[in-house]
């Protein structure tokens, strides 16, 4: 019986240690979000515009389309600095560098387009 108890306790401690290490790794990496509003020169919202987000450190690129209300949203982003690009037809492309995403925070970066 002593052997069975020791074997069960060893397994429990092994599983606990592995889960603790995994939880620490996930916590250390963290993530954040980025959102914003895309408008034209008169302040009207621009829907259906492609928004591209690039992480220069990793080369990772994500894209999304603005909603009917002109809002874009990127969820679960790794923490870091990003470059945001918006270039809908009929407007000059806009490039915003050094957009900072922090752990557990939602960064907001509105974009005003020019003709």
N, C-alpha and C. Protein backbone atom coordinates (compact mmCIF):
# COMPACT_ATOMS: atom_id res chain seq x y z
N UNK A 1 0.82 -1.19 0.00
CA UNK A 1 0.00 0.00 0.00
C UNK A 1 0.87 1.25 0.00
N UNK A 2 1.94 1.22 0.74
CA UNK A 2 2.86 2.35 0.78
C UNK A 2 3.41 2.64 -0.62
N UNK A 3 3.70 1.60 -1.38
CA UNK A 3 4.21 1.74 -2.74
C UNK A 3 3.18 2.41 -3.65
N UNK A 4 1.93 2.00 -3.55
CA UNK A 4 0.86 2.56 -4.38
C UNK A 4 0.66 4.05 -4.08
N UNK A 5 0.70 4.40 -2.79
CA UNK A 5 0.56 5.80 -2.40
C UNK A 5 1.71 6.64 -2.94
N UNK A 6 2.93 6.13 -2.82
CA UNK A 6 4.10 6.85 -3.30
C UNK A 6 4.05 7.01 -4.82
N UNK A 7 3.61 6.00 -5.54
CA UNK A 7 3.50 6.05 -6.99
C UNK A 7 2.46 7.09 -7.41
N UNK A 8 1.33 7.13 -6.74
CA UNK A 8 0.27 8.11 -7.04
C UNK A 8 0.75 9.52 -6.74
N UNK A 9 1.41 9.69 -5.60
CA UNK A 9 1.93 11.00 -5.23
C UNK A 9 2.97 11.48 -6.23
N UNK A 10 3.83 10.59 -6.70
CA UNK A 10 4.85 10.95 -7.69
C UNK A 10 4.19 11.41 -8.99
N UNK A 11 3.18 10.69 -9.43
CA UNK A 11 2.47 11.08 -10.66
C UNK A 11 1.79 12.44 -10.50
N UNK A 12 1.16 12.64 -9.36
CA UNK A 12 0.49 13.91 -9.10
C UNK A 12 1.49 15.07 -9.14
N UNK A 13 2.62 14.91 -8.47
CA UNK A 13 3.63 15.96 -8.46
C UNK A 13 4.21 16.21 -9.85
N UNK A 14 4.37 15.17 -10.63
CA UNK A 14 4.87 15.33 -12.00
C UNK A 14 3.89 16.12 -12.85
N UNK A 15 2.61 15.76 -12.78
CA UNK A 15 1.58 16.48 -13.55
C UNK A 15 1.49 17.94 -13.08
N UNK A 16 1.51 18.15 -11.77
CA UNK A 16 1.45 19.50 -11.22
C UNK A 16 2.62 20.35 -11.71
N UNK A 17 3.81 19.80 -11.72
CA UNK A 17 5.00 20.53 -12.16
C UNK A 17 4.90 20.91 -13.63
N UNK A 18 4.47 19.98 -14.45
CA UNK A 18 4.34 20.25 -15.89
C UNK A 18 3.30 21.35 -16.12
N UNK A 19 2.16 21.25 -15.46
CA UNK A 19 1.12 22.28 -15.63
C UNK A 19 1.60 23.65 -15.13
N UNK A 20 2.32 23.68 -14.05
CA UNK A 20 2.85 24.94 -13.53
C UNK A 20 3.83 25.57 -14.51
N UNK A 21 4.68 24.76 -15.12
CA UNK A 21 5.63 25.27 -16.11
C UNK A 21 4.91 25.80 -17.34
N UNK A 22 3.89 25.09 -17.81
CA UNK A 22 3.12 25.55 -18.97
C UNK A 22 2.39 26.85 -18.65
N UNK A 23 1.80 26.94 -17.50
CA UNK A 23 1.09 28.16 -17.11
C UNK A 23 2.05 29.34 -17.04
N UNK A 24 3.24 29.13 -16.53
CA UNK A 24 4.24 30.19 -16.46
C UNK A 24 4.67 30.66 -17.83
N UNK A 25 4.79 29.74 -18.77
CA UNK A 25 5.18 30.09 -20.14
C UNK A 25 4.09 30.92 -20.81
N UNK A 26 2.84 30.51 -20.66
CA UNK A 26 1.73 31.25 -21.27
C UNK A 26 1.62 32.63 -20.64
N UNK A 27 1.74 32.73 -19.34
CA UNK A 27 1.65 34.01 -18.65
C UNK A 27 2.75 34.96 -19.09
N UNK A 28 3.97 34.44 -19.28
CA UNK A 28 5.11 35.27 -19.65
C UNK A 28 4.94 35.86 -21.06
N UNK A 29 4.33 35.11 -21.96
CA UNK A 29 4.19 35.59 -23.34
C UNK A 29 3.13 36.67 -23.42
N UNK A 30 1.98 36.46 -22.86
CA UNK A 30 0.91 37.45 -22.84
C UNK A 30 0.43 37.84 -24.22
N UNK A 31 -0.66 38.58 -24.24
CA UNK A 31 -1.20 39.08 -25.49
C UNK A 31 -2.01 40.33 -25.22
N UNK A 32 -2.31 41.04 -26.27
CA UNK A 32 -3.11 42.25 -26.18
C UNK A 32 -3.97 42.38 -27.42
N UNK A 33 -4.65 43.50 -27.55
CA UNK A 33 -5.53 43.73 -28.69
C UNK A 33 -5.27 45.11 -29.28
N UNK A 34 -5.70 45.26 -30.54
CA UNK A 34 -5.59 46.55 -31.23
C UNK A 34 -6.91 46.80 -31.94
N UNK A 35 -7.41 48.00 -31.80
CA UNK A 35 -8.65 48.38 -32.47
C UNK A 35 -8.55 49.83 -32.91
N UNK A 36 -9.45 50.24 -33.78
CA UNK A 36 -9.45 51.63 -34.22
C UNK A 36 -10.57 51.91 -35.20
N UNK A 37 -10.70 53.17 -35.54
CA UNK A 37 -11.73 53.66 -36.45
C UNK A 37 -11.05 54.25 -37.68
N UNK A 38 -11.53 53.89 -38.86
CA UNK A 38 -10.99 54.42 -40.11
C UNK A 38 -12.02 55.39 -40.69
N UNK A 39 -11.57 56.65 -40.91
CA UNK A 39 -12.47 57.68 -41.43
C UNK A 39 -11.87 58.37 -42.65
N UNK A 40 -12.73 59.03 -43.43
CA UNK A 40 -12.27 59.81 -44.58
C UNK A 40 -11.96 61.23 -44.12
N UNK A 41 -11.53 62.13 -45.04
CA UNK A 41 -11.17 63.50 -44.63
C UNK A 41 -12.31 64.29 -43.97
N UNK A 42 -13.56 63.96 -44.29
CA UNK A 42 -14.69 64.66 -43.69
C UNK A 42 -15.15 64.03 -42.37
N UNK A 43 -14.52 62.93 -41.97
CA UNK A 43 -14.88 62.27 -40.72
C UNK A 43 -15.88 61.14 -40.87
N UNK A 44 -16.30 60.85 -42.11
CA UNK A 44 -17.23 59.74 -42.34
C UNK A 44 -16.47 58.42 -42.23
N UNK A 45 -17.14 57.41 -41.69
CA UNK A 45 -16.47 56.11 -41.53
C UNK A 45 -16.25 55.45 -42.88
N UNK A 46 -15.19 54.67 -42.96
CA UNK A 46 -14.86 53.94 -44.19
C UNK A 46 -15.02 52.44 -43.90
N UNK A 47 -16.06 51.85 -44.46
CA UNK A 47 -16.29 50.43 -44.24
C UNK A 47 -15.67 49.63 -45.39
N UNK A 48 -15.33 48.38 -45.11
CA UNK A 48 -14.79 47.49 -46.13
C UNK A 48 -13.35 47.76 -46.51
N UNK A 49 -12.65 48.54 -45.72
CA UNK A 49 -11.23 48.83 -46.01
C UNK A 49 -10.35 47.74 -45.41
N UNK A 50 -9.37 47.28 -46.18
CA UNK A 50 -8.44 46.28 -45.66
C UNK A 50 -7.41 46.96 -44.77
N UNK A 51 -7.20 46.37 -43.61
CA UNK A 51 -6.21 46.88 -42.64
C UNK A 51 -5.18 45.77 -42.44
N UNK A 52 -3.92 46.12 -42.64
CA UNK A 52 -2.83 45.15 -42.52
C UNK A 52 -1.96 45.50 -41.31
N UNK A 53 -1.66 44.50 -40.50
CA UNK A 53 -0.84 44.69 -39.31
C UNK A 53 0.37 43.78 -39.42
N UNK A 54 1.56 44.37 -39.34
CA UNK A 54 2.81 43.62 -39.49
C UNK A 54 3.66 43.76 -38.23
N UNK A 55 4.22 42.65 -37.80
CA UNK A 55 5.18 42.66 -36.71
C UNK A 55 6.56 42.61 -37.36
N UNK A 56 7.29 43.74 -37.43
CA UNK A 56 8.59 43.76 -38.11
C UNK A 56 9.62 42.81 -37.50
N UNK A 57 9.51 42.53 -36.21
CA UNK A 57 10.47 41.65 -35.55
C UNK A 57 10.34 40.21 -36.01
N UNK A 58 9.11 39.78 -36.31
CA UNK A 58 8.88 38.39 -36.70
C UNK A 58 8.47 38.23 -38.15
N UNK A 59 8.04 39.32 -38.79
CA UNK A 59 7.56 39.24 -40.17
C UNK A 59 6.12 38.76 -40.27
N UNK A 60 5.47 38.55 -39.14
CA UNK A 60 4.08 38.08 -39.13
C UNK A 60 3.15 39.18 -39.62
N UNK A 61 2.23 38.80 -40.52
CA UNK A 61 1.28 39.76 -41.08
C UNK A 61 -0.14 39.24 -40.82
N UNK A 62 -1.00 40.12 -40.32
CA UNK A 62 -2.41 39.80 -40.15
C UNK A 62 -3.22 40.88 -40.86
N UNK A 63 -4.35 40.48 -41.41
CA UNK A 63 -5.22 41.44 -42.08
C UNK A 63 -6.65 41.29 -41.57
N UNK A 64 -7.38 42.38 -41.69
CA UNK A 64 -8.80 42.38 -41.36
C UNK A 64 -9.48 43.43 -42.23
N UNK A 65 -10.78 43.45 -42.21
CA UNK A 65 -11.58 44.41 -42.98
C UNK A 65 -12.39 45.25 -41.99
N UNK A 66 -12.48 46.55 -42.24
CA UNK A 66 -13.27 47.39 -41.34
C UNK A 66 -14.75 47.02 -41.45
N UNK A 67 -15.42 47.14 -40.33
CA UNK A 67 -16.85 46.82 -40.27
C UNK A 67 -17.67 47.93 -40.93
N UNK A 68 -18.98 47.76 -40.96
CA UNK A 68 -19.87 48.78 -41.49
C UNK A 68 -19.77 50.09 -40.74
N UNK A 69 -19.27 50.02 -39.50
CA UNK A 69 -19.09 51.22 -38.68
C UNK A 69 -17.68 51.77 -38.80
N UNK A 70 -16.86 51.18 -39.71
CA UNK A 70 -15.50 51.66 -39.93
C UNK A 70 -14.48 51.20 -38.90
N UNK A 71 -14.84 50.20 -38.12
CA UNK A 71 -13.96 49.74 -37.03
C UNK A 71 -13.19 48.50 -37.46
N UNK A 72 -11.90 48.48 -37.11
CA UNK A 72 -11.09 47.27 -37.29
C UNK A 72 -10.70 46.76 -35.91
N UNK A 73 -10.39 45.47 -35.83
CA UNK A 73 -10.06 44.87 -34.54
C UNK A 73 -9.13 43.67 -34.75
N UNK A 74 -8.03 43.66 -34.01
CA UNK A 74 -7.12 42.52 -33.99
C UNK A 74 -7.07 42.01 -32.55
N UNK A 75 -7.44 40.75 -32.34
CA UNK A 75 -7.45 40.16 -31.01
C UNK A 75 -6.26 39.22 -30.85
N UNK A 76 -5.93 38.93 -29.60
CA UNK A 76 -4.89 37.95 -29.24
C UNK A 76 -3.58 38.19 -29.97
N UNK A 77 -3.09 39.42 -29.91
CA UNK A 77 -1.81 39.77 -30.54
C UNK A 77 -0.67 39.54 -29.56
N UNK A 78 0.42 38.93 -30.00
CA UNK A 78 1.60 38.85 -29.13
C UNK A 78 2.09 40.27 -28.82
N UNK A 79 2.58 40.46 -27.63
CA UNK A 79 3.09 41.77 -27.21
C UNK A 79 4.23 42.20 -28.11
N UNK A 80 4.27 43.48 -28.47
CA UNK A 80 5.35 43.99 -29.30
C UNK A 80 4.98 45.26 -30.03
N UNK A 81 5.85 45.67 -30.93
CA UNK A 81 5.63 46.84 -31.78
C UNK A 81 5.18 46.37 -33.15
N UNK A 82 4.23 47.08 -33.72
CA UNK A 82 3.65 46.71 -35.01
C UNK A 82 3.63 47.89 -35.96
N UNK A 83 3.45 47.58 -37.25
CA UNK A 83 3.23 48.59 -38.28
C UNK A 83 1.83 48.35 -38.83
N UNK A 84 1.03 49.40 -38.85
CA UNK A 84 -0.36 49.35 -39.31
C UNK A 84 -0.46 50.02 -40.67
N UNK A 85 -1.12 49.36 -41.64
CA UNK A 85 -1.27 49.95 -42.97
C UNK A 85 -2.73 49.85 -43.43
N UNK A 86 -3.21 50.98 -43.96
CA UNK A 86 -4.56 51.04 -44.52
C UNK A 86 -4.44 51.70 -45.89
N UNK A 87 -4.97 51.05 -46.94
CA UNK A 87 -4.85 51.61 -48.29
C UNK A 87 -6.08 51.27 -49.14
N UNK A 88 -7.25 51.82 -48.79
CA UNK A 88 -8.44 51.56 -49.60
C UNK A 88 -8.40 52.33 -50.92
N UNK A 89 -9.14 51.83 -51.90
CA UNK A 89 -9.20 52.51 -53.21
C UNK A 89 -9.75 53.92 -53.05
N UNK A 90 -9.13 54.85 -53.79
CA UNK A 90 -9.57 56.24 -53.77
C UNK A 90 -8.92 57.08 -52.70
N UNK A 91 -8.08 56.46 -51.86
CA UNK A 91 -7.41 57.20 -50.78
C UNK A 91 -5.91 56.93 -50.83
N UNK A 92 -5.15 57.86 -50.25
CA UNK A 92 -3.71 57.62 -50.08
C UNK A 92 -3.53 56.55 -49.02
N UNK A 93 -2.51 55.74 -49.19
CA UNK A 93 -2.25 54.73 -48.16
C UNK A 93 -1.68 55.40 -46.92
N UNK A 94 -2.05 54.87 -45.78
CA UNK A 94 -1.58 55.39 -44.50
C UNK A 94 -0.79 54.28 -43.82
N UNK A 95 0.38 54.64 -43.32
CA UNK A 95 1.24 53.68 -42.62
C UNK A 95 1.60 54.27 -41.26
N UNK A 96 1.28 53.54 -40.20
CA UNK A 96 1.57 53.98 -38.84
C UNK A 96 2.57 52.98 -38.24
N UNK A 97 3.74 53.48 -37.87
CA UNK A 97 4.76 52.61 -37.30
C UNK A 97 4.77 52.73 -35.78
N UNK A 98 5.40 51.76 -35.16
CA UNK A 98 5.56 51.72 -33.70
C UNK A 98 4.23 51.74 -32.95
N UNK A 99 3.29 50.93 -33.41
CA UNK A 99 2.04 50.73 -32.67
C UNK A 99 2.35 49.69 -31.60
N UNK A 100 2.22 50.08 -30.34
CA UNK A 100 2.62 49.21 -29.23
C UNK A 100 1.43 48.43 -28.69
N UNK A 101 1.61 47.10 -28.60
CA UNK A 101 0.60 46.23 -28.01
C UNK A 101 1.18 45.70 -26.70
N UNK A 102 0.44 45.92 -25.60
CA UNK A 102 0.89 45.52 -24.27
C UNK A 102 0.04 44.37 -23.73
N UNK A 103 0.57 43.68 -22.74
CA UNK A 103 -0.13 42.54 -22.14
C UNK A 103 -1.46 42.98 -21.53
N UNK A 104 -2.52 42.28 -21.91
CA UNK A 104 -3.83 42.50 -21.33
C UNK A 104 -4.48 43.83 -21.65
N UNK A 105 -3.92 44.60 -22.56
CA UNK A 105 -4.46 45.93 -22.88
C UNK A 105 -5.01 45.96 -24.30
N UNK A 106 -5.95 46.87 -24.52
CA UNK A 106 -6.46 47.12 -25.87
C UNK A 106 -5.96 48.47 -26.33
N UNK A 107 -5.04 48.45 -27.30
CA UNK A 107 -4.52 49.70 -27.87
C UNK A 107 -5.52 50.22 -28.89
N UNK A 108 -5.66 51.52 -28.97
CA UNK A 108 -6.56 52.14 -29.95
C UNK A 108 -5.74 53.04 -30.85
N UNK A 109 -5.93 52.86 -32.18
CA UNK A 109 -5.22 53.68 -33.13
C UNK A 109 -6.17 54.01 -34.28
N UNK A 110 -6.79 55.19 -34.23
CA UNK A 110 -7.70 55.62 -35.29
C UNK A 110 -6.88 56.11 -36.48
N UNK A 111 -7.44 55.92 -37.68
CA UNK A 111 -6.75 56.29 -38.92
C UNK A 111 -7.66 57.22 -39.73
N UNK A 112 -7.11 58.40 -40.05
CA UNK A 112 -7.85 59.36 -40.90
C UNK A 112 -7.19 59.33 -42.28
N UNK A 113 -7.96 58.93 -43.27
CA UNK A 113 -7.44 58.82 -44.64
C UNK A 113 -7.46 60.17 -45.36
N UNK A 114 -6.60 60.26 -46.38
CA UNK A 114 -6.57 61.44 -47.25
C UNK A 114 -6.85 61.01 -48.68
N UNK A 115 -7.43 61.94 -49.45
CA UNK A 115 -7.73 61.63 -50.85
C UNK A 115 -6.48 61.67 -51.69
